[in-house]
Protein backbone atom coordinates (compact mmCIF):
# COMPACT_ATOMS: atom_id res chain seq x y z
CA UNK A 1 12.65 24.67 22.42
CA UNK A 2 13.26 27.03 19.96
CA UNK A 3 16.95 25.05 19.46
CA UNK A 4 14.66 21.95 19.17
CA UNK A 5 12.19 23.15 16.39
CA UNK A 6 15.59 24.54 14.17
CA UNK A 7 16.81 21.04 14.34
CA UNK A 8 13.81 19.40 13.24
CA UNK A 9 13.11 21.72 10.87
CA UNK A 10 17.04 21.58 9.63
CA UNK A 11 16.33 17.52 9.36
CA UNK A 12 13.06 17.74 7.39
CA UNK A 13 15.44 19.94 4.96
CA UNK A 14 17.86 16.97 4.90
CA UNK A 15 15.55 14.33 4.22
CA UNK A 16 13.83 16.71 1.21
CA UNK A 17 16.66 16.93 -0.29
CA UNK A 18 18.07 13.54 -0.19
CA UNK A 19 16.63 11.89 -3.19
CA UNK A 20 17.25 8.15 -2.30
CA UNK A 21 14.90 8.72 1.14
CA UNK A 22 11.99 8.87 -0.98
CA UNK A 23 11.79 4.79 -1.77
CA UNK A 24 11.55 2.37 0.32
CA UNK A 25 15.02 0.51 0.95
CA UNK A 26 14.31 -2.39 -1.09
CA UNK A 27 16.62 -3.66 -4.06
CA UNK A 28 15.32 -3.99 -7.44
CA UNK A 29 17.85 -5.97 -8.74
CA UNK A 30 15.53 -8.86 -9.64
CA UNK A 31 11.99 -6.66 -9.88
CA UNK A 32 12.06 -5.26 -13.68
CA UNK A 33 9.34 -2.50 -14.59
CA UNK A 34 7.71 -3.35 -17.95
CA UNK A 35 4.16 -1.87 -18.98
CA UNK A 36 1.33 -3.66 -18.59
CA UNK A 37 0.22 -5.23 -21.98
CA UNK A 38 -2.28 -3.38 -23.91
CA UNK A 39 -5.75 -3.57 -23.16
CA UNK A 40 -6.27 -5.65 -26.71
CA UNK A 41 -3.80 -7.69 -25.66
CA UNK A 42 -5.01 -8.38 -22.17
CA UNK A 43 -8.60 -9.30 -23.51
CA UNK A 44 -6.64 -11.96 -25.81
CA UNK A 45 -4.78 -13.84 -23.06
CA UNK A 46 -6.30 -16.90 -21.10
CA UNK A 47 -7.80 -15.56 -17.54
CA UNK A 48 -5.72 -17.42 -15.53
CA UNK A 49 -2.96 -15.74 -16.78
CA UNK A 50 -4.17 -12.39 -15.26
CA UNK A 51 -5.12 -11.53 -11.61
CA UNK A 52 -7.58 -8.68 -10.93
CA UNK A 53 -5.59 -5.89 -8.72
CA UNK A 54 -7.54 -2.86 -7.17
CA UNK A 55 -6.40 0.29 -6.69
CA UNK A 56 -8.13 2.36 -4.06
CA UNK A 57 -8.03 6.03 -2.99
CA UNK A 58 -9.59 9.21 -0.94
CA UNK A 59 -8.60 12.14 -1.10
CA UNK A 60 -4.77 11.55 0.35
CA UNK A 61 -4.47 7.95 0.91
CA UNK A 62 -3.95 4.77 -1.38
CA UNK A 63 -4.01 1.42 -0.99
CA UNK A 64 -4.34 -2.02 -2.62
CA UNK A 65 -6.81 -4.88 -2.74
CA UNK A 66 -4.69 -8.06 -4.01
CA UNK A 67 -6.15 -11.37 -4.16
CA UNK A 68 -4.58 -13.71 -1.36
CA UNK A 69 -4.23 -17.00 -2.80
CA UNK A 70 -2.07 -15.30 -5.65
CA UNK A 71 -0.36 -13.64 -3.31
CA UNK A 72 0.50 -16.69 -1.32
CA UNK A 73 1.31 -19.16 -4.15
CA UNK A 74 3.74 -16.41 -5.43
CA UNK A 75 5.46 -16.44 -2.46
CA UNK A 76 4.02 -13.84 0.35
CA UNK A 77 4.31 -14.78 3.98
CA UNK A 78 1.32 -14.39 5.16
CA UNK A 79 0.37 -13.73 8.89
CA UNK A 80 -1.07 -16.99 10.31
CA UNK A 81 -4.37 -17.63 11.17
CA UNK A 82 -5.93 -15.38 8.34
CA UNK A 83 -9.69 -15.94 8.38
CA UNK A 84 -11.84 -15.21 5.61
CA UNK A 85 -15.91 -14.82 6.02
CA UNK A 86 -18.04 -16.60 3.76
CA UNK A 87 -18.26 -15.33 0.67
CA UNK A 88 -17.43 -15.67 -3.06
CA UNK A 89 -13.66 -13.78 -3.13
CA UNK A 90 -10.65 -13.76 -1.17
CA UNK A 91 -8.85 -10.56 -1.06
CA UNK A 92 -6.62 -8.93 0.93
CA UNK A 93 -7.09 -5.30 1.44
CA UNK A 94 -3.44 -4.04 2.22
CA UNK A 95 -1.65 -0.34 3.09
CA UNK A 96 1.13 0.89 4.77
CA UNK A 97 1.76 4.02 7.00
CA UNK A 98 2.84 5.86 10.62
CA UNK A 99 2.38 3.07 13.55
CA UNK A 100 0.77 5.70 15.88
CA UNK A 101 -1.60 6.97 13.19
CA UNK A 102 -2.54 2.99 12.74
CA UNK A 103 -2.51 1.81 16.75
CA UNK A 104 -4.41 4.74 18.71
CA UNK A 105 -7.85 4.69 18.37
CA UNK A 106 -8.22 8.63 18.31
CA UNK A 107 -7.44 11.38 16.16
CA UNK A 108 -3.41 12.44 15.65
CA UNK A 109 -2.50 15.73 18.04
CA UNK A 110 -0.73 18.39 16.13
CA UNK A 111 2.24 17.53 17.56
CA UNK A 112 1.64 13.79 15.96
CA UNK A 113 0.76 14.73 12.77
CA UNK A 114 4.04 16.92 12.80
CA UNK A 115 6.08 13.42 13.96
CA UNK A 116 4.14 10.93 11.65
CA UNK A 117 4.92 13.04 8.83
CA UNK A 118 8.84 14.97 9.41
CA UNK A 119 10.62 12.45 11.76
CA UNK A 120 11.40 8.78 11.01
CA UNK A 121 8.98 6.74 12.78
CA UNK A 122 7.95 3.17 12.95
CA UNK A 123 5.78 1.69 10.28
CA UNK A 124 3.24 -0.87 9.99
CA UNK A 125 1.22 -2.78 7.10
CA UNK A 126 -2.61 -2.95 7.36
CA UNK A 127 -3.39 -6.53 6.29
CA UNK A 128 -7.33 -6.86 6.12
CA UNK A 129 -8.80 -10.14 4.47
CA UNK A 130 -12.52 -9.83 2.47
CA UNK A 131 -14.98 -12.20 0.95
CA UNK A 132 -16.81 -9.78 -0.85
CA UNK A 133 -16.78 -7.68 -3.81
CA UNK A 134 -14.12 -4.56 -3.31
CA UNK A 135 -16.72 -2.01 -4.64
CA UNK A 136 -19.37 -2.61 -2.27
CA UNK A 137 -17.04 -3.47 0.86
CA UNK A 138 -15.07 -0.34 0.02
CA UNK A 139 -18.17 1.59 -1.75
CA UNK A 140 -16.73 5.04 -0.24
CA UNK A 141 -13.53 5.09 -2.12
CA UNK A 142 -12.37 5.61 -5.66
CA UNK A 143 -11.61 2.55 -7.02
CA UNK A 144 -9.58 1.40 -10.44
CA UNK A 145 -9.06 -2.12 -11.03
CA UNK A 146 -6.85 -3.50 -14.06
CA UNK A 147 -5.57 -7.01 -14.40
CA UNK A 148 -2.08 -7.83 -13.81
CA UNK A 149 0.18 -10.35 -15.44
CA UNK A 150 0.15 -13.77 -12.88
CA UNK A 151 3.71 -14.15 -13.15
CA UNK A 152 4.44 -10.41 -11.64
CA UNK A 153 3.17 -12.12 -8.12
CA UNK A 154 6.42 -13.16 -6.79
CA UNK A 155 8.17 -9.68 -7.63
CA UNK A 156 4.91 -8.04 -5.55
CA UNK A 157 5.80 -10.80 -3.01
CA UNK A 158 9.48 -10.29 -2.69
CA UNK A 159 8.57 -6.21 -2.26
CA UNK A 160 6.07 -7.28 0.84
CA UNK A 161 8.34 -9.64 2.15
CA UNK A 162 11.06 -7.33 2.31
CA UNK A 163 9.21 -4.83 4.54
CA UNK A 164 7.84 -7.36 7.18
CA UNK A 165 9.52 -7.81 10.15
CA UNK A 166 9.27 -11.30 10.57
CA UNK A 167 8.95 -13.78 13.81
CA UNK A 168 11.06 -17.20 14.67
CA UNK A 169 8.22 -19.02 12.51
CA UNK A 170 9.41 -16.38 9.35
CA UNK A 171 5.83 -15.24 9.71
CA UNK A 172 4.97 -11.25 10.02
CA UNK A 173 4.94 -10.09 13.34
CA UNK A 174 1.29 -8.67 14.50
CA UNK A 175 1.85 -5.74 16.77
CA UNK A 176 -2.56 -5.04 16.99
CA UNK A 177 -5.83 -5.38 15.31
CA UNK A 178 -6.71 -3.68 12.10
CA UNK A 179 -8.18 -0.20 12.44
CA UNK A 180 -11.47 -2.02 10.61
CA UNK A 181 -12.36 -5.39 9.80
CA UNK A 182 -11.39 -8.66 11.16
CA UNK A 183 -7.23 -8.03 10.00
CA UNK A 184 -4.09 -6.88 11.54
CA UNK A 185 -1.35 -4.20 11.89
CA UNK A 186 2.05 -6.02 10.54
CA UNK A 187 5.15 -4.65 12.23
CA UNK A 188 7.32 -3.11 9.37
CA UNK A 189 10.89 -2.34 8.54
CA UNK A 190 10.84 0.75 6.90
CA UNK A 191 10.78 4.40 8.53
CA UNK A 192 7.81 6.80 7.90
CA UNK A 193 8.06 10.15 7.23
CA UNK A 194 7.61 12.71 4.12
CA UNK A 195 7.82 12.29 1.49
CA UNK A 196 8.53 8.32 1.84
CA UNK A 197 4.66 7.97 2.57
CA UNK A 198 1.99 5.62 2.11
CA UNK A 199 1.75 6.77 -1.44
CA UNK A 200 5.16 5.64 -2.30
CA UNK A 201 4.54 2.01 -0.79
CA UNK A 202 1.76 2.10 -3.26
CA UNK A 203 3.74 3.32 -6.22
CA UNK A 204 6.58 0.82 -5.23
CA UNK A 205 3.91 -2.17 -5.48
CA UNK A 206 2.88 -1.13 -8.52
CA UNK A 207 6.25 -1.09 -10.05
CA UNK A 208 6.51 -4.52 -8.72
CA UNK A 209 2.73 -5.39 -10.57
CA UNK A 210 4.92 -4.16 -14.08
CA UNK A 211 3.92 -0.62 -14.21
CA UNK A 212 6.12 2.09 -14.72
CA UNK A 213 5.95 4.80 -12.31
CA UNK A 214 7.59 7.91 -11.15
CA UNK A 215 7.82 7.54 -7.46
CA UNK A 216 8.31 11.36 -6.96
CA UNK A 217 5.46 12.51 -8.80
CA UNK A 218 3.35 9.64 -6.93
CA UNK A 219 3.88 11.43 -3.74
CA UNK A 220 0.56 12.47 -4.41
CA UNK A 221 -2.77 10.05 -4.89
CA UNK A 222 -4.13 12.10 -7.47
CA UNK A 223 -0.84 11.97 -9.56
CA UNK A 224 -0.10 7.85 -8.34
CA UNK A 225 -3.65 7.77 -9.87
CA UNK A 226 -2.91 9.03 -13.26
CA UNK A 227 0.03 6.85 -13.72
CA UNK A 228 -1.56 4.20 -13.00
CA UNK A 229 -4.72 5.11 -15.26
CA UNK A 230 -2.21 5.77 -17.95
CA UNK A 231 -1.47 2.03 -18.31
CA UNK A 232 -4.42 -0.31 -17.78
CA UNK A 233 -6.25 0.77 -14.69
CA UNK A 234 -10.06 1.67 -14.98
CA UNK A 235 -12.13 3.18 -12.40
CA UNK A 236 -14.74 1.67 -11.19
CA UNK A 237 -16.64 4.17 -9.14
CA UNK A 238 -16.25 7.86 -8.11
CA UNK A 239 -16.98 6.88 -4.00
CA UNK A 240 -16.77 9.60 -1.51
CA UNK A 241 -13.30 11.00 -1.41
CA UNK A 242 -13.45 13.04 1.75
CA UNK A 243 -15.03 10.59 3.74
CA UNK A 244 -12.58 7.38 3.67
CA UNK A 245 -12.78 4.28 4.53
CA UNK A 246 -12.83 2.31 7.41
CA UNK A 247 -12.43 4.27 10.73
CA UNK A 248 -10.70 7.65 9.43
CA UNK A 249 -8.19 8.55 7.02
CA UNK A 250 -4.14 7.71 7.77
CA UNK A 251 -1.12 9.54 6.73
């Protein structure tokens, strides 16, 4: 047993020492980072040239709320039979993380937490359609929003598509229901482990939206948020950061 634990610790050290292990292994050749327009410029742009993107966070975990129609129009390969309840909006809340943490209906054991964080493990993208105001659906979260150029949709769709395992119909593979809401858990190509955690996925989505992100400094939620607020994201509410939303906080 001691020998096995030594091997695990040694493997963790190798992961931490490998700089390229932090990012999702997606080519950025066609995803060029560029800062969001200054606020004054955004206000002068026609409304249809931008879309509102939300960044949500609790103490550790971050997620995004994205306009669904914008994603699909931009080339995102959506899961089938997405159902929106009656309401004024069509957003999807998306996040990424360890598969076991999302699938099972109980809290992780210490051994499962260790495995989820420190050893490469299967991952999922959670996909939850909502039809109401983000600030009201996810009121327990810290919520930030920004106007993103509509043209960045194709870059974001490219990143999201690259992470999804697709079935024969070229649709994301659904492995379970979402942990809350009427959504899905989608099988993912990436392995989950520290430091490649949920916030790295969020940061790379922000890059696709046009922000300049320091990925290593985005590992922790507060650092990621600071980078985003310096580039156009504004706070909507303070939330209850220690409570989380949905069923539970997830690694």
